[in-house]
Amino acid sequence: MTNLDPLHEAEVLIQFGRLKQAIALLESAVAATPARAELARRLEELRARASQRQPAASVHIAIGWTAYVGSLLAVFSPFIILAGHIPDVQQAPSNAAVAMLGVAGLACIGITTYLSVELFYRVWFAYLNVLPAQARMRAEAGLKCSMTPSIFGKRYETLRARLLRAVD
């Protein structure tokens, strides 16, 4: 790299998610200047952090999709159950009745879709709040890549700002 302080260089690498490179840099620095105890201390901290098992991004994506499908089922299931209990009509409905049912059905689908996405956001942000910063970034980036971008619109950003607590 450059002639910067290895501790500072390691911190920059960590900020960009390059923990293994930061460890390698500090290992070289400790070997070159064993008298600097702060390098050895930071190296041990980073080794401890690296040894903690972090779930793969695919685990976060699976949890996100499970939350999303679960929220859809939670909101849509009453309508699915009710649809199974509609009595048979002996006479054909009028065109006006069919049109009203169509509009009402579309309204129900729109409202329930909105509610299921809202529920998903709340479950997703509650999950993200328990993750460390790097895992949170990986989880959110992975889910955004695997879902349609329309899910992550203005409402997502509004709730994200309100429900996602800051991480150190």
N, C-alpha and C. Protein backbone atom coordinates (compact mmCIF):
# COMPACT_ATOMS: atom_id res chain seq x y z
N MET A 1 0.84 -1.18 0.00
CA MET A 1 0.00 0.00 0.00
C MET A 1 0.89 1.24 0.00
N THR A 2 0.72 2.11 1.00
CA THR A 2 1.49 3.34 1.06
C THR A 2 2.28 3.38 2.36
N ASN A 3 2.84 4.54 2.69
CA ASN A 3 3.60 4.68 3.92
C ASN A 3 2.75 5.16 5.08
N LEU A 4 1.47 4.90 5.02
CA LEU A 4 0.58 5.26 6.12
C LEU A 4 0.80 4.32 7.30
N ASP A 5 0.28 4.72 8.44
CA ASP A 5 0.33 3.88 9.62
C ASP A 5 -0.47 2.60 9.35
N PRO A 6 0.11 1.43 9.62
CA PRO A 6 -0.60 0.18 9.33
C PRO A 6 -1.93 0.06 10.08
N LEU A 7 -2.00 0.63 11.26
CA LEU A 7 -3.25 0.59 12.02
C LEU A 7 -4.35 1.38 11.28
N HIS A 8 -3.98 2.54 10.76
CA HIS A 8 -4.92 3.36 9.99
C HIS A 8 -5.31 2.64 8.70
N GLU A 9 -4.34 2.06 8.01
CA GLU A 9 -4.64 1.32 6.77
C GLU A 9 -5.59 0.16 7.05
N ALA A 10 -5.36 -0.54 8.15
CA ALA A 10 -6.22 -1.68 8.51
C ALA A 10 -7.64 -1.20 8.77
N GLU A 11 -7.79 -0.07 9.45
CA GLU A 11 -9.12 0.46 9.72
C GLU A 11 -9.85 0.82 8.43
N VAL A 12 -9.12 1.38 7.47
CA VAL A 12 -9.73 1.71 6.18
C VAL A 12 -10.18 0.43 5.48
N LEU A 13 -9.35 -0.59 5.50
CA LEU A 13 -9.72 -1.87 4.88
C LEU A 13 -10.97 -2.45 5.54
N ILE A 14 -11.04 -2.36 6.86
CA ILE A 14 -12.20 -2.88 7.59
C ILE A 14 -13.47 -2.14 7.18
N GLN A 15 -13.36 -0.83 7.02
CA GLN A 15 -14.53 -0.03 6.61
C GLN A 15 -15.07 -0.48 5.25
N PHE A 16 -14.18 -0.99 4.41
CA PHE A 16 -14.61 -1.46 3.08
C PHE A 16 -14.90 -2.96 3.08
N GLY A 17 -14.99 -3.57 4.26
CA GLY A 17 -15.36 -4.98 4.37
C GLY A 17 -14.25 -5.94 4.01
N ARG A 18 -13.02 -5.51 4.07
CA ARG A 18 -11.87 -6.36 3.71
C ARG A 18 -11.12 -6.80 4.97
N LEU A 19 -11.80 -7.56 5.79
CA LEU A 19 -11.26 -7.99 7.07
C LEU A 19 -10.02 -8.86 6.90
N LYS A 20 -10.05 -9.80 5.95
CA LYS A 20 -8.89 -10.69 5.75
C LYS A 20 -7.65 -9.90 5.33
N GLN A 21 -7.82 -8.89 4.48
CA GLN A 21 -6.69 -8.07 4.06
C GLN A 21 -6.16 -7.25 5.24
N ALA A 22 -7.05 -6.77 6.08
CA ALA A 22 -6.63 -6.00 7.26
C ALA A 22 -5.82 -6.88 8.21
N ILE A 23 -6.25 -8.12 8.37
CA ILE A 23 -5.52 -9.06 9.23
C ILE A 23 -4.13 -9.33 8.65
N ALA A 24 -4.07 -9.56 7.35
CA ALA A 24 -2.77 -9.81 6.70
C ALA A 24 -1.85 -8.60 6.84
N LEU A 25 -2.38 -7.42 6.68
CA LEU A 25 -1.59 -6.20 6.82
C LEU A 25 -1.05 -6.07 8.24
N LEU A 26 -1.90 -6.31 9.23
CA LEU A 26 -1.45 -6.20 10.62
C LEU A 26 -0.47 -7.30 10.98
N GLU A 27 -0.62 -8.49 10.41
CA GLU A 27 0.35 -9.56 10.66
C GLU A 27 1.74 -9.14 10.18
N SER A 28 1.79 -8.54 8.99
CA SER A 28 3.07 -8.04 8.46
C SER A 28 3.62 -6.93 9.33
N ALA A 29 2.74 -6.04 9.77
CA ALA A 29 3.19 -4.91 10.60
C ALA A 29 3.70 -5.38 11.95
N VAL A 30 3.04 -6.35 12.55
CA VAL A 30 3.48 -6.88 13.85
C VAL A 30 4.83 -7.57 13.68
N ALA A 31 5.01 -8.29 12.58
CA ALA A 31 6.30 -8.96 12.34
C ALA A 31 7.41 -7.93 12.13
N ALA A 32 7.08 -6.81 11.47
CA ALA A 32 8.09 -5.79 11.19
C ALA A 32 8.38 -4.92 12.41
N THR A 33 7.35 -4.64 13.22
CA THR A 33 7.54 -3.78 14.41
C THR A 33 6.87 -4.43 15.62
N PRO A 34 7.50 -5.45 16.19
CA PRO A 34 6.89 -6.16 17.32
C PRO A 34 6.75 -5.29 18.58
N ALA A 35 7.44 -4.16 18.65
CA ALA A 35 7.35 -3.31 19.84
C ALA A 35 6.02 -2.56 19.93
N ARG A 36 5.30 -2.45 18.82
CA ARG A 36 4.01 -1.72 18.84
C ARG A 36 2.90 -2.65 19.32
N ALA A 37 2.62 -2.55 20.60
CA ALA A 37 1.63 -3.44 21.23
C ALA A 37 0.23 -3.20 20.69
N GLU A 38 -0.08 -1.95 20.30
CA GLU A 38 -1.43 -1.68 19.80
C GLU A 38 -1.72 -2.42 18.50
N LEU A 39 -0.68 -2.68 17.70
CA LEU A 39 -0.87 -3.46 16.47
C LEU A 39 -1.25 -4.90 16.82
N ALA A 40 -0.53 -5.47 17.78
CA ALA A 40 -0.81 -6.85 18.19
C ALA A 40 -2.21 -6.97 18.80
N ARG A 41 -2.60 -5.97 19.61
CA ARG A 41 -3.93 -5.99 20.22
C ARG A 41 -5.02 -5.94 19.15
N ARG A 42 -4.86 -5.02 18.21
CA ARG A 42 -5.87 -4.88 17.15
C ARG A 42 -5.91 -6.14 16.29
N LEU A 43 -4.76 -6.74 16.04
CA LEU A 43 -4.71 -7.98 15.26
C LEU A 43 -5.49 -9.08 15.96
N GLU A 44 -5.33 -9.20 17.26
CA GLU A 44 -6.07 -10.22 18.01
C GLU A 44 -7.57 -9.95 17.98
N GLU A 45 -7.96 -8.68 18.08
CA GLU A 45 -9.38 -8.33 17.99
C GLU A 45 -9.96 -8.73 16.63
N LEU A 46 -9.20 -8.45 15.59
CA LEU A 46 -9.69 -8.77 14.24
C LEU A 46 -9.74 -10.28 14.03
N ARG A 47 -8.77 -11.00 14.55
CA ARG A 47 -8.80 -12.46 14.43
C ARG A 47 -10.02 -13.03 15.16
N ALA A 48 -10.33 -12.46 16.32
CA ALA A 48 -11.51 -12.92 17.07
C ALA A 48 -12.78 -12.64 16.28
N ARG A 49 -12.84 -11.45 15.67
CA ARG A 49 -14.02 -11.11 14.87
C ARG A 49 -14.15 -12.04 13.66
N ALA A 50 -13.02 -12.34 13.03
CA ALA A 50 -13.04 -13.20 11.84
C ALA A 50 -13.44 -14.62 12.20
N SER A 51 -13.13 -15.04 13.42
CA SER A 51 -13.45 -16.41 13.80
C SER A 51 -14.92 -16.59 14.14
N GLN A 52 -15.62 -15.49 14.40
CA GLN A 52 -17.06 -15.60 14.67
C GLN A 52 -17.76 -15.95 13.37
N ARG A 53 -18.56 -16.98 13.45
CA ARG A 53 -19.27 -17.41 12.23
C ARG A 53 -20.35 -16.42 11.87
N GLN A 54 -20.30 -15.95 10.65
CA GLN A 54 -21.34 -15.07 10.12
C GLN A 54 -22.15 -15.87 9.11
N PRO A 55 -23.47 -15.76 9.17
CA PRO A 55 -24.27 -16.47 8.17
C PRO A 55 -23.99 -15.95 6.77
N ALA A 56 -24.05 -16.84 5.82
CA ALA A 56 -23.84 -16.45 4.43
C ALA A 56 -24.99 -15.56 3.97
N ALA A 57 -24.74 -14.79 2.93
CA ALA A 57 -25.78 -13.89 2.41
C ALA A 57 -27.02 -14.67 2.01
N SER A 58 -26.84 -15.91 1.55
CA SER A 58 -28.00 -16.71 1.13
C SER A 58 -28.94 -17.01 2.31
N VAL A 59 -28.38 -17.10 3.51
CA VAL A 59 -29.22 -17.32 4.70
C VAL A 59 -30.11 -16.10 4.92
N HIS A 60 -29.53 -14.91 4.79
CA HIS A 60 -30.31 -13.69 4.97
C HIS A 60 -31.39 -13.57 3.90
N ILE A 61 -31.05 -13.94 2.68
CA ILE A 61 -32.03 -13.89 1.59
C ILE A 61 -33.17 -14.85 1.87
N ALA A 62 -32.84 -16.05 2.33
CA ALA A 62 -33.88 -17.03 2.65
C ALA A 62 -34.78 -16.52 3.77
N ILE A 63 -34.20 -15.88 4.77
CA ILE A 63 -35.01 -15.33 5.86
C ILE A 63 -35.90 -14.21 5.34
N GLY A 64 -35.35 -13.37 4.48
CA GLY A 64 -36.15 -12.29 3.89
C GLY A 64 -37.31 -12.80 3.08
N TRP A 65 -37.05 -13.80 2.25
CA TRP A 65 -38.13 -14.37 1.43
C TRP A 65 -39.17 -15.06 2.30
N THR A 66 -38.72 -15.73 3.35
CA THR A 66 -39.65 -16.38 4.26
C THR A 66 -40.55 -15.34 4.93
N ALA A 67 -39.95 -14.23 5.34
CA ALA A 67 -40.74 -13.15 5.94
C ALA A 67 -41.73 -12.59 4.93
N TYR A 68 -41.30 -12.45 3.69
CA TYR A 68 -42.17 -11.89 2.66
C TYR A 68 -43.35 -12.82 2.36
N VAL A 69 -43.06 -14.09 2.14
CA VAL A 69 -44.13 -15.05 1.85
C VAL A 69 -45.04 -15.21 3.06
N GLY A 70 -44.45 -15.22 4.25
CA GLY A 70 -45.26 -15.30 5.47
C GLY A 70 -46.20 -14.13 5.62
N SER A 71 -45.71 -12.93 5.28
CA SER A 71 -46.58 -11.76 5.37
C SER A 71 -47.70 -11.82 4.33
N LEU A 72 -47.38 -12.33 3.14
CA LEU A 72 -48.44 -12.50 2.13
C LEU A 72 -49.50 -13.48 2.62
N LEU A 73 -49.06 -14.60 3.15
CA LEU A 73 -50.02 -15.60 3.64
C LEU A 73 -50.84 -15.06 4.81
N ALA A 74 -50.19 -14.32 5.70
CA ALA A 74 -50.90 -13.79 6.87
C ALA A 74 -52.02 -12.84 6.45
N VAL A 75 -51.79 -12.06 5.40
CA VAL A 75 -52.79 -11.08 5.00
C VAL A 75 -53.81 -11.68 4.03
N PHE A 76 -53.36 -12.55 3.13
CA PHE A 76 -54.27 -13.09 2.11
C PHE A 76 -55.09 -14.29 2.60
N SER A 77 -54.62 -15.02 3.61
CA SER A 77 -55.30 -16.26 4.00
C SER A 77 -56.76 -16.07 4.39
N PRO A 78 -57.17 -14.99 5.09
CA PRO A 78 -58.61 -14.86 5.37
C PRO A 78 -59.45 -14.80 4.10
N PHE A 79 -58.94 -14.12 3.07
CA PHE A 79 -59.70 -14.02 1.82
C PHE A 79 -59.77 -15.36 1.10
N ILE A 80 -58.68 -16.12 1.18
CA ILE A 80 -58.66 -17.44 0.55
C ILE A 80 -59.65 -18.36 1.26
N ILE A 81 -59.68 -18.27 2.58
CA ILE A 81 -60.62 -19.10 3.35
C ILE A 81 -62.06 -18.70 3.04
N LEU A 82 -62.32 -17.39 3.01
CA LEU A 82 -63.68 -16.92 2.70
C LEU A 82 -64.11 -17.31 1.29
N ALA A 83 -63.17 -17.28 0.36
CA ALA A 83 -63.51 -17.63 -1.02
C ALA A 83 -63.99 -19.08 -1.12
N GLY A 84 -63.51 -19.92 -0.26
CA GLY A 84 -63.95 -21.31 -0.26
C GLY A 84 -65.34 -21.50 0.31
N HIS A 85 -65.88 -20.49 0.96
CA HIS A 85 -67.20 -20.60 1.60
C HIS A 85 -68.27 -19.76 0.92
N ILE A 86 -68.03 -19.33 -0.30
CA ILE A 86 -69.03 -18.56 -1.03
C ILE A 86 -70.12 -19.53 -1.49
N PRO A 87 -71.39 -19.23 -1.14
CA PRO A 87 -72.47 -20.15 -1.52
C PRO A 87 -72.70 -20.12 -3.04
N ASP A 88 -73.20 -21.23 -3.55
CA ASP A 88 -73.52 -21.31 -4.98
C ASP A 88 -74.74 -20.44 -5.26
N VAL A 89 -74.70 -19.71 -6.34
CA VAL A 89 -75.81 -18.86 -6.75
C VAL A 89 -76.57 -19.59 -7.84
N GLN A 90 -77.89 -19.66 -7.69
CA GLN A 90 -78.71 -20.40 -8.64
C GLN A 90 -78.95 -19.61 -9.93
N GLN A 91 -78.97 -18.32 -9.84
CA GLN A 91 -79.21 -17.53 -11.04
C GLN A 91 -77.95 -16.76 -11.41
N ALA A 92 -77.81 -16.45 -12.65
CA ALA A 92 -76.64 -15.72 -13.14
C ALA A 92 -76.69 -14.29 -12.63
N PRO A 93 -75.58 -13.76 -12.12
CA PRO A 93 -75.58 -12.37 -11.64
C PRO A 93 -75.66 -11.39 -12.81
N SER A 94 -76.16 -10.21 -12.52
CA SER A 94 -76.27 -9.18 -13.56
C SER A 94 -74.86 -8.63 -13.88
N ASN A 95 -74.77 -7.93 -14.99
CA ASN A 95 -73.50 -7.34 -15.39
C ASN A 95 -73.01 -6.33 -14.35
N ALA A 96 -73.94 -5.59 -13.76
CA ALA A 96 -73.57 -4.60 -12.74
C ALA A 96 -72.98 -5.29 -11.51
N ALA A 97 -73.59 -6.42 -11.12
CA ALA A 97 -73.09 -7.16 -9.96
C ALA A 97 -71.70 -7.72 -10.24
N VAL A 98 -71.49 -8.22 -11.44
CA VAL A 98 -70.18 -8.75 -11.82
C VAL A 98 -69.15 -7.62 -11.79
N ALA A 99 -69.51 -6.46 -12.32
CA ALA A 99 -68.60 -5.32 -12.33
C ALA A 99 -68.26 -4.87 -10.91
N MET A 100 -69.28 -4.83 -10.03
CA MET A 100 -69.04 -4.44 -8.64
C MET A 100 -68.13 -5.43 -7.94
N LEU A 101 -68.38 -6.72 -8.17
CA LEU A 101 -67.52 -7.75 -7.58
C LEU A 101 -66.09 -7.64 -8.10
N GLY A 102 -65.94 -7.34 -9.38
CA GLY A 102 -64.61 -7.18 -9.96
C GLY A 102 -63.85 -6.02 -9.33
N VAL A 103 -64.55 -4.88 -9.18
CA VAL A 103 -63.91 -3.70 -8.57
C VAL A 103 -63.58 -3.98 -7.11
N ALA A 104 -64.52 -4.61 -6.39
CA ALA A 104 -64.29 -4.94 -4.99
C ALA A 104 -63.12 -5.92 -4.86
N GLY A 105 -63.06 -6.88 -5.76
CA GLY A 105 -61.97 -7.85 -5.73
C GLY A 105 -60.63 -7.20 -5.98
N LEU A 106 -60.57 -6.30 -6.95
CA LEU A 106 -59.32 -5.58 -7.22
C LEU A 106 -58.91 -4.70 -6.04
N ALA A 107 -59.89 -4.07 -5.42
CA ALA A 107 -59.59 -3.24 -4.24
C ALA A 107 -59.03 -4.10 -3.11
N CYS A 108 -59.64 -5.26 -2.90
CA CYS A 108 -59.15 -6.18 -1.85
C CYS A 108 -57.72 -6.64 -2.15
N ILE A 109 -57.47 -6.96 -3.40
CA ILE A 109 -56.12 -7.40 -3.77
C ILE A 109 -55.12 -6.27 -3.54
N GLY A 110 -55.48 -5.05 -3.94
CA GLY A 110 -54.59 -3.92 -3.74
C GLY A 110 -54.31 -3.64 -2.27
N ILE A 111 -55.36 -3.64 -1.47
CA ILE A 111 -55.20 -3.37 -0.03
C ILE A 111 -54.40 -4.47 0.65
N THR A 112 -54.71 -5.71 0.35
CA THR A 112 -53.99 -6.80 1.00
C THR A 112 -52.53 -6.86 0.55
N THR A 113 -52.26 -6.52 -0.70
CA THR A 113 -50.87 -6.48 -1.15
C THR A 113 -50.11 -5.40 -0.39
N TYR A 114 -50.72 -4.24 -0.27
CA TYR A 114 -50.08 -3.15 0.49
C TYR A 114 -49.83 -3.58 1.94
N LEU A 115 -50.83 -4.18 2.57
CA LEU A 115 -50.68 -4.60 3.97
C LEU A 115 -49.61 -5.68 4.12
N SER A 116 -49.55 -6.61 3.17
CA SER A 116 -48.55 -7.68 3.28
C SER A 116 -47.14 -7.12 3.12
N VAL A 117 -46.96 -6.15 2.22
CA VAL A 117 -45.64 -5.54 2.05
C VAL A 117 -45.28 -4.75 3.30
N GLU A 118 -46.23 -4.03 3.88
CA GLU A 118 -45.97 -3.29 5.13
C GLU A 118 -45.55 -4.26 6.24
N LEU A 119 -46.26 -5.37 6.36
CA LEU A 119 -45.92 -6.36 7.36
C LEU A 119 -44.53 -6.92 7.11
N PHE A 120 -44.22 -7.20 5.85
CA PHE A 120 -42.88 -7.69 5.51
C PHE A 120 -41.81 -6.69 5.94
N TYR A 121 -42.02 -5.40 5.63
CA TYR A 121 -41.03 -4.39 6.00
C TYR A 121 -40.75 -4.41 7.50
N ARG A 122 -41.81 -4.49 8.27
CA ARG A 122 -41.64 -4.45 9.72
C ARG A 122 -40.90 -5.69 10.24
N VAL A 123 -41.23 -6.84 9.71
CA VAL A 123 -40.52 -8.07 10.10
C VAL A 123 -39.07 -8.00 9.64
N TRP A 124 -38.85 -7.55 8.42
CA TRP A 124 -37.49 -7.46 7.85
C TRP A 124 -36.62 -6.51 8.66
N PHE A 125 -37.14 -5.33 9.02
CA PHE A 125 -36.34 -4.38 9.77
C PHE A 125 -36.09 -4.86 11.20
N ALA A 126 -37.05 -5.57 11.77
CA ALA A 126 -36.82 -6.15 13.09
C ALA A 126 -35.67 -7.16 13.02
N TYR A 127 -35.64 -7.95 11.94
CA TYR A 127 -34.53 -8.91 11.75
C TYR A 127 -33.21 -8.17 11.54
N LEU A 128 -33.20 -7.15 10.69
CA LEU A 128 -31.96 -6.40 10.43
C LEU A 128 -31.43 -5.74 11.70
N ASN A 129 -32.32 -5.34 12.58
CA ASN A 129 -31.88 -4.67 13.81
C ASN A 129 -31.07 -5.56 14.73
N VAL A 130 -31.18 -6.88 14.60
CA VAL A 130 -30.40 -7.77 15.46
C VAL A 130 -29.07 -8.18 14.83
N LEU A 131 -28.83 -7.76 13.60
CA LEU A 131 -27.60 -8.13 12.90
C LEU A 131 -26.50 -7.10 13.13
N PRO A 132 -25.23 -7.56 13.13
CA PRO A 132 -24.13 -6.59 13.14
C PRO A 132 -24.09 -5.83 11.81
N ALA A 133 -23.37 -4.72 11.80
CA ALA A 133 -23.39 -3.80 10.65
C ALA A 133 -23.05 -4.47 9.33
N GLN A 134 -21.97 -5.25 9.27
CA GLN A 134 -21.59 -5.87 8.00
C GLN A 134 -22.60 -6.89 7.53
N ALA A 135 -23.12 -7.68 8.45
CA ALA A 135 -24.12 -8.68 8.09
C ALA A 135 -25.40 -7.99 7.62
N ARG A 136 -25.73 -6.88 8.24
CA ARG A 136 -26.92 -6.12 7.86
C ARG A 136 -26.78 -5.62 6.42
N MET A 137 -25.61 -5.08 6.08
CA MET A 137 -25.39 -4.57 4.72
C MET A 137 -25.48 -5.70 3.71
N ARG A 138 -24.87 -6.86 4.02
CA ARG A 138 -24.93 -8.01 3.11
C ARG A 138 -26.36 -8.50 2.94
N ALA A 139 -27.09 -8.56 4.05
CA ALA A 139 -28.47 -9.06 3.99
C ALA A 139 -29.34 -8.14 3.14
N GLU A 140 -29.22 -6.85 3.36
CA GLU A 140 -30.05 -5.92 2.62
C GLU A 140 -29.68 -5.89 1.14
N ALA A 141 -28.39 -5.92 0.84
CA ALA A 141 -27.97 -5.92 -0.56
C ALA A 141 -28.40 -7.21 -1.26
N GLY A 142 -28.27 -8.34 -0.57
CA GLY A 142 -28.67 -9.61 -1.17
C GLY A 142 -30.14 -9.69 -1.45
N LEU A 143 -30.95 -9.18 -0.52
CA LEU A 143 -32.40 -9.24 -0.73
C LEU A 143 -32.83 -8.29 -1.84
N LYS A 144 -32.19 -7.12 -1.92
CA LYS A 144 -32.54 -6.18 -2.98
C LYS A 144 -32.22 -6.76 -4.35
N CYS A 145 -31.18 -7.59 -4.43
CA CYS A 145 -30.83 -8.21 -5.72
C CYS A 145 -31.79 -9.32 -6.08
N SER A 146 -32.37 -9.97 -5.07
CA SER A 146 -33.21 -11.13 -5.36
C SER A 146 -34.69 -10.80 -5.49
N MET A 147 -35.11 -9.61 -5.08
CA MET A 147 -36.51 -9.22 -5.18
C MET A 147 -36.68 -8.15 -6.25
N THR A 148 -37.92 -7.93 -6.62
CA THR A 148 -38.17 -6.89 -7.61
C THR A 148 -37.88 -5.52 -7.01
N PRO A 149 -37.26 -4.63 -7.77
CA PRO A 149 -36.92 -3.31 -7.24
C PRO A 149 -38.11 -2.50 -6.75
N SER A 150 -39.31 -2.76 -7.29
CA SER A 150 -40.48 -1.98 -6.88
C SER A 150 -40.81 -2.17 -5.40
N ILE A 151 -40.42 -3.31 -4.83
CA ILE A 151 -40.65 -3.55 -3.40
C ILE A 151 -39.82 -2.55 -2.58
N PHE A 152 -38.67 -2.14 -3.12
CA PHE A 152 -37.77 -1.28 -2.38
C PHE A 152 -37.88 0.16 -2.87
N GLY A 153 -39.05 0.72 -2.77
CA GLY A 153 -39.29 2.08 -3.24
C GLY A 153 -39.23 3.08 -2.12
N LYS A 154 -39.99 4.14 -2.30
CA LYS A 154 -39.99 5.25 -1.36
C LYS A 154 -40.48 4.81 0.02
N ARG A 155 -41.51 3.96 0.07
CA ARG A 155 -42.03 3.50 1.36
C ARG A 155 -40.99 2.69 2.11
N TYR A 156 -40.24 1.88 1.40
CA TYR A 156 -39.17 1.10 2.03
C TYR A 156 -38.16 2.05 2.68
N GLU A 157 -37.73 3.06 1.94
CA GLU A 157 -36.74 4.00 2.47
C GLU A 157 -37.30 4.78 3.65
N THR A 158 -38.58 5.15 3.59
CA THR A 158 -39.20 5.88 4.70
C THR A 158 -39.22 5.02 5.96
N LEU A 159 -39.67 3.79 5.83
CA LEU A 159 -39.71 2.89 7.00
C LEU A 159 -38.32 2.51 7.45
N ARG A 160 -37.41 2.38 6.50
CA ARG A 160 -36.02 2.05 6.84
C ARG A 160 -35.45 3.14 7.75
N ALA A 161 -35.68 4.39 7.40
CA ALA A 161 -35.17 5.50 8.21
C ALA A 161 -35.83 5.52 9.59
N ARG A 162 -37.10 5.12 9.65
CA ARG A 162 -37.82 5.17 10.92
C ARG A 162 -37.58 3.94 11.82
N LEU A 163 -37.50 2.75 11.21
CA LEU A 163 -37.46 1.52 12.01
C LEU A 163 -36.08 0.92 12.20
N LEU A 164 -35.16 1.24 11.32
CA LEU A 164 -33.83 0.62 11.40
C LEU A 164 -32.95 1.47 12.30
N ARG A 165 -32.53 0.91 13.40
CA ARG A 165 -31.70 1.70 14.32
C ARG A 165 -30.26 1.73 13.82
N ALA A 166 -29.57 2.77 14.21
CA ALA A 166 -28.17 2.94 13.79
C ALA A 166 -27.29 1.91 14.47
N VAL A 167 -26.25 1.49 13.78
CA VAL A 167 -25.30 0.53 14.32
C VAL A 167 -23.96 1.22 14.49
N ASP A 168 -23.23 0.82 15.49
CA ASP A 168 -21.90 1.40 15.71
C ASP A 168 -20.92 0.92 14.66
